[in-house]
Structure formats: structure tokens, C-alpha cells
Amino acid sequence: MLVHQILKSKGDQGVVTVPPGTLVSEAAKLMDEKRIGTLVISSTGDTPDGIFSERDIVREVSRRGVACLNCTVDDVMTRNIVTCSLGDKADAVLATMTEKRFRHMPVVDAGVMVGFISIGDVVKARLTELAMEKNALEGMIMGH
């Protein structure tokens, strides 16, 4: 399965972004309201400058205490962003996420962010693919 198929199966949920300068407290509130674990930090809305996740909040609370809530997301975001493209295979994306130990990845096409996938999205797609293969093999064995 390819990344563009995963995005298609998710429907058009868009990518939730906030600009640099957003307070950590505001970002945390938005994440809670949207029930998401990660935001993309973007000054343009279509290219990722950084990733801000629940893990970043926990790390900064551990380091700075609650004072970090008055910091800006660009002070604490992950800057070294790994992206994938529409034509990437789910297995390769899953391997990258597992190896580099992160759960969310922007999807970029021609330099523009076109989607966002989580490790849960990739696992769900892979399980669907495996179920279809299982059914096909059972059908072949049964003579259907």
C-alpha cells in the first residue's frame, strides 16, 4: 500500500498547523480540542518548519516545569523533520517511524505538505492489506 492510498482512506482531514510564536499552552489546548497528539509548525501553512507533539510537552515540563507553557512552540519543537511522499510504500514509512522512534509524519509533494499520517494510520492500512491477502489466499485454497 502506498501513502496516497492511506491518505485517501483517511478522508480529507487536513493538517492542523500553527505558526511559530504560538504559546505552548495554546498549542496544548488546540491539541486537546482536536483530540490529536501532534501539530505541524508552519509559517506558511503548507511547508513544515517543525513538529510539536505531546512528547515535546512532557520533555519540556520535565526540564523547565510549568514555565514551559509560556514558551513558544518554536522554542521546543522538533526541527529535524522527516517527511514522506505520496508514492512511498507503507512498509518503508512504518520502518522509518519505528527506527527513528516517532509516530507522526508529514506527507510532502513537490515541496508542499499535502497530508499527515500517524503510525496508527500506517498500521491500520497494513492490517487491511493483510486481511485482503488472507481472504484472497483462502479463496484460492477453497477454489473460489
C-alpha atoms as a PDB file:
ATOM      1  CA  MET A   1       0.000   0.000   0.000  1.00  0.00           C
ATOM      2  CA  LEU A   2       1.197   3.494  -0.829  1.00  0.00           C
ATOM      3  CA  VAL A   3       0.990   6.688   1.228  1.00  0.00           C
ATOM      4  CA  HIS A   4      -1.521   8.281  -1.167  1.00  0.00           C
ATOM      5  CA  GLN A   5      -3.850   5.308  -0.573  1.00  0.00           C
ATOM      6  CA  ILE A   6      -3.556   5.757   3.181  1.00  0.00           C
ATOM      7  CA  LEU A   7      -4.432   9.439   2.886  1.00  0.00           C
ATOM      8  CA  LYS A   8      -7.389   8.614   0.637  1.00  0.00           C
ATOM      9  CA  SER A   9      -8.726   6.097   3.162  1.00  0.00           C
ATOM     10  CA  LYS A  10      -8.489   8.715   5.934  1.00  0.00           C
ATOM     11  CA  GLY A  11     -10.606  11.204   4.022  1.00  0.00           C
ATOM     12  CA  ASP A  12      -9.765  14.893   3.857  1.00  0.00           C
ATOM     13  CA  GLN A  13      -8.977  15.747   7.458  1.00  0.00           C
ATOM     14  CA  GLY A  14      -6.378  18.360   6.582  1.00  0.00           C
ATOM     15  CA  VAL A  15      -3.230  19.088   8.519  1.00  0.00           C
ATOM     16  CA  VAL A  16      -3.535  21.052  11.745  1.00  0.00           C
ATOM     17  CA  THR A  17      -0.849  23.719  11.763  1.00  0.00           C
ATOM     18  CA  VAL A  18       0.069  26.632  13.998  1.00  0.00           C
ATOM     19  CA  PRO A  19       2.531  29.406  13.235  1.00  0.00           C
ATOM     20  CA  PRO A  20       5.838  29.899  15.009  1.00  0.00           C
ATOM     21  CA  GLY A  21       5.299  32.117  18.047  1.00  0.00           C
ATOM     22  CA  THR A  22       2.268  30.180  19.274  1.00  0.00           C
ATOM     23  CA  LEU A  23       2.442  29.616  23.018  1.00  0.00           C
ATOM     24  CA  VAL A  24       2.905  26.034  24.184  1.00  0.00           C
ATOM     25  CA  SER A  25      -0.230  26.442  26.331  1.00  0.00           C
ATOM     26  CA  GLU A  26      -2.267  27.488  23.260  1.00  0.00           C
ATOM     27  CA  ALA A  27      -0.896  24.592  21.223  1.00  0.00           C
ATOM     28  CA  ALA A  28      -1.692  22.126  24.020  1.00  0.00           C
ATOM     29  CA  LYS A  29      -5.254  23.462  24.225  1.00  0.00           C
ATOM     30  CA  LEU A  30      -5.698  23.071  20.445  1.00  0.00           C
ATOM     31  CA  MET A  31      -4.340  19.523  20.585  1.00  0.00           C
ATOM     32  CA  ASP A  32      -6.831  18.705  23.323  1.00  0.00           C
ATOM     33  CA  GLU A  33      -9.749  20.288  21.427  1.00  0.00           C
ATOM     34  CA  LYS A  34      -8.867  18.442  18.201  1.00  0.00           C
ATOM     35  CA  ARG A  35      -8.002  15.232  20.075  1.00  0.00           C
ATOM     36  CA  ILE A  36      -4.649  14.975  18.318  1.00  0.00           C
ATOM     37  CA  GLY A  37      -1.148  14.266  19.565  1.00  0.00           C
ATOM     38  CA  THR A  38       0.858  16.390  17.150  1.00  0.00           C
ATOM     39  CA  LEU A  39       0.791  19.760  15.415  1.00  0.00           C
ATOM     40  CA  VAL A  40       2.827  20.908  12.452  1.00  0.00           C
ATOM     41  CA  ILE A  41       4.527  24.243  12.988  1.00  0.00           C
ATOM     42  CA  SER A  42       4.392  26.193   9.739  1.00  0.00           C
ATOM     43  CA  SER A  43       4.949  29.834   8.915  1.00  0.00           C
ATOM     44  CA  THR A  44       3.296  29.366   5.500  1.00  0.00           C
ATOM     45  CA  GLY A  45       0.635  26.760   6.250  1.00  0.00           C
ATOM     46  CA  ASP A  46       1.897  24.455   3.504  1.00  0.00           C
ATOM     47  CA  THR A  47       5.517  23.719   4.399  1.00  0.00           C
ATOM     48  CA  PRO A  48       6.543  22.220   7.745  1.00  0.00           C
ATOM     49  CA  ASP A  49       9.019  24.178   9.886  1.00  0.00           C
ATOM     50  CA  GLY A  50       8.780  21.748  12.776  1.00  0.00           C
ATOM     51  CA  ILE A  51       6.694  19.188  14.619  1.00  0.00           C
ATOM     52  CA  PHE A  52       5.243  19.770  18.081  1.00  0.00           C
ATOM     53  CA  SER A  53       3.996  16.721  19.950  1.00  0.00           C
ATOM     54  CA  GLU A  54       2.814  15.542  23.341  1.00  0.00           C
ATOM     55  CA  ARG A  55       6.320  14.183  23.816  1.00  0.00           C
ATOM     56  CA  ASP A  56       7.740  17.707  23.424  1.00  0.00           C
ATOM     57  CA  ILE A  57       5.384  18.980  26.127  1.00  0.00           C
ATOM     58  CA  VAL A  58       6.350  16.207  28.552  1.00  0.00           C
ATOM     59  CA  ARG A  59      10.062  16.734  27.906  1.00  0.00           C
ATOM     60  CA  GLU A  60       9.825  20.482  28.489  1.00  0.00           C
ATOM     61  CA  VAL A  61       7.676  20.177  31.628  1.00  0.00           C
ATOM     62  CA  SER A  62      10.335  17.801  32.942  1.00  0.00           C
ATOM     63  CA  ARG A  63      13.123  20.290  32.134  1.00  0.00           C
ATOM     64  CA  ARG A  64      11.520  23.658  32.887  1.00  0.00           C
ATOM     65  CA  GLY A  65       8.392  22.896  34.874  1.00  0.00           C
ATOM     66  CA  VAL A  66       5.116  24.628  34.103  1.00  0.00           C
ATOM     67  CA  ALA A  67       7.021  27.737  32.979  1.00  0.00           C
ATOM     68  CA  CYS A  68       7.403  25.997  29.612  1.00  0.00           C
ATOM     69  CA  LEU A  69       3.694  26.655  28.963  1.00  0.00           C
ATOM     70  CA  ASN A  70       4.634  30.304  28.356  1.00  0.00           C
ATOM     71  CA  CYS A  71       7.349  29.349  25.841  1.00  0.00           C
ATOM     72  CA  THR A  72       6.611  29.311  22.145  1.00  0.00           C
ATOM     73  CA  VAL A  73       6.301  26.129  20.138  1.00  0.00           C
ATOM     74  CA  ASP A  74       9.300  27.054  18.020  1.00  0.00           C
ATOM     75  CA  ASP A  75      11.402  27.052  21.206  1.00  0.00           C
ATOM     76  CA  VAL A  76      10.609  23.386  21.881  1.00  0.00           C
ATOM     77  CA  MET A  77       9.510  21.836  18.581  1.00  0.00           C
ATOM     78  CA  THR A  78      11.365  19.096  16.785  1.00  0.00           C
ATOM     79  CA  ARG A  79      13.211  20.792  13.926  1.00  0.00           C
ATOM     80  CA  ASN A  80      14.699  17.827  12.087  1.00  0.00           C
ATOM     81  CA  ILE A  81      11.568  16.753  10.271  1.00  0.00           C
ATOM     82  CA  VAL A  82      11.377  13.507   8.373  1.00  0.00           C
ATOM     83  CA  THR A  83       8.722  13.536   5.661  1.00  0.00           C
ATOM     84  CA  CYS A  84       7.376  11.020   3.205  1.00  0.00           C
ATOM     85  CA  SER A  85       5.912  11.345  -0.278  1.00  0.00           C
ATOM     86  CA  LEU A  86       2.685  10.148  -1.847  1.00  0.00           C
ATOM     87  CA  GLY A  87       4.432   7.286  -3.637  1.00  0.00           C
ATOM     88  CA  ASP A  88       6.234   5.862  -0.609  1.00  0.00           C
ATOM     89  CA  LYS A  89       5.322   2.356   0.491  1.00  0.00           C
ATOM     90  CA  ALA A  90       3.608   1.864   3.849  1.00  0.00           C
ATOM     91  CA  ASP A  91       6.236  -0.677   4.924  1.00  0.00           C
ATOM     92  CA  ALA A  92       9.048   1.817   4.356  1.00  0.00           C
ATOM     93  CA  VAL A  93       7.214   4.571   6.261  1.00  0.00           C
ATOM     94  CA  LEU A  94       6.498   2.187   9.136  1.00  0.00           C
ATOM     95  CA  ALA A  95      10.154   1.130   9.237  1.00  0.00           C
ATOM     96  CA  THR A  96      11.308   4.765   9.330  1.00  0.00           C
ATOM     97  CA  MET A  97       8.868   5.674  12.104  1.00  0.00           C
ATOM     98  CA  THR A  98       9.919   2.649  14.140  1.00  0.00           C
ATOM     99  CA  GLU A  99      13.655   3.157  13.606  1.00  0.00           C
ATOM    100  CA  LYS A 100      13.614   6.878  14.360  1.00  0.00           C
ATOM    101  CA  ARG A 101      11.072   6.486  17.187  1.00  0.00           C
ATOM    102  CA  PHE A 102       8.344   8.919  16.177  1.00  0.00           C
ATOM    103  CA  ARG A 103       4.668   8.449  15.456  1.00  0.00           C
ATOM    104  CA  HIS A 104       3.696  11.202  13.003  1.00  0.00           C
ATOM    105  CA  MET A 105       4.978  12.195   9.585  1.00  0.00           C
ATOM    106  CA  PRO A 106       4.064  14.996   7.175  1.00  0.00           C
ATOM    107  CA  VAL A 107       3.392  13.948   3.585  1.00  0.00           C
ATOM    108  CA  VAL A 108       5.045  16.306   1.103  1.00  0.00           C
ATOM    109  CA  ASP A 109       4.521  16.505  -2.653  1.00  0.00           C
ATOM    110  CA  ALA A 110       6.594  18.908  -4.773  1.00  0.00           C
ATOM    111  CA  GLY A 111       7.701  20.733  -1.620  1.00  0.00           C
ATOM    112  CA  VAL A 112       4.144  21.287  -0.348  1.00  0.00           C
ATOM    113  CA  MET A 113       2.603  19.498   2.614  1.00  0.00           C
ATOM    114  CA  VAL A 114      -0.420  17.556   1.350  1.00  0.00           C
ATOM    115  CA  GLY A 115      -1.233  15.412   4.365  1.00  0.00           C
ATOM    116  CA  PHE A 116      -0.185  13.942   7.649  1.00  0.00           C
ATOM    117  CA  ILE A 117      -0.067  10.303   8.691  1.00  0.00           C
ATOM    118  CA  SER A 118       0.384   8.600  12.018  1.00  0.00           C
ATOM    119  CA  ILE A 119       1.850   5.228  12.821  1.00  0.00           C
ATOM    120  CA  GLY A 120      -1.724   4.171  13.626  1.00  0.00           C
ATOM    121  CA  ASP A 121      -2.825   5.100  10.095  1.00  0.00           C
ATOM    122  CA  VAL A 122       0.003   3.037   8.617  1.00  0.00           C
ATOM    123  CA  VAL A 123      -0.646   0.027  10.865  1.00  0.00           C
ATOM    124  CA  LYS A 124      -4.381   0.142  10.078  1.00  0.00           C
ATOM    125  CA  ALA A 125      -3.650   0.253   6.340  1.00  0.00           C
ATOM    126  CA  ARG A 126      -1.203  -2.636   6.636  1.00  0.00           C
ATOM    127  CA  LEU A 127      -3.725  -4.740   8.613  1.00  0.00           C
ATOM    128  CA  THR A 128      -6.372  -4.069   5.954  1.00  0.00           C
ATOM    129  CA  GLU A 129      -3.918  -5.118   3.271  1.00  0.00           C
ATOM    130  CA  LEU A 130      -3.031  -8.318   5.142  1.00  0.00           C
ATOM    131  CA  ALA A 131      -6.734  -9.170   5.625  1.00  0.00           C
ATOM    132  CA  MET A 132      -7.328  -8.807   1.874  1.00  0.00           C
ATOM    133  CA  GLU A 133      -4.340 -11.053   1.120  1.00  0.00           C
ATOM    134  CA  LYS A 134      -5.608 -13.635   3.620  1.00  0.00           C
ATOM    135  CA  ASN A 135      -9.066 -13.633   2.044  1.00  0.00           C
ATOM    136  CA  ALA A 136      -7.580 -13.990  -1.437  1.00  0.00           C
ATOM    137  CA  LEU A 137      -5.415 -16.930  -0.351  1.00  0.00           C
ATOM    138  CA  GLU A 138      -8.359 -18.606   1.389  1.00  0.00           C
ATOM    139  CA  GLY A 139     -10.406 -18.143  -1.775  1.00  0.00           C
ATOM    140  CA  MET A 140      -7.676 -19.734  -3.860  1.00  0.00           C
ATOM    141  CA  ILE A 141      -7.405 -22.682  -1.483  1.00  0.00           C
ATOM    142  CA  MET A 142     -11.171 -23.183  -1.400  1.00  0.00           C
ATOM    143  CA  GLY A 143     -11.342 -22.914  -5.183  1.00  0.00           C
ATOM    144  CA  HIS A 144     -13.364 -19.674  -5.377  1.00  0.00           C
END
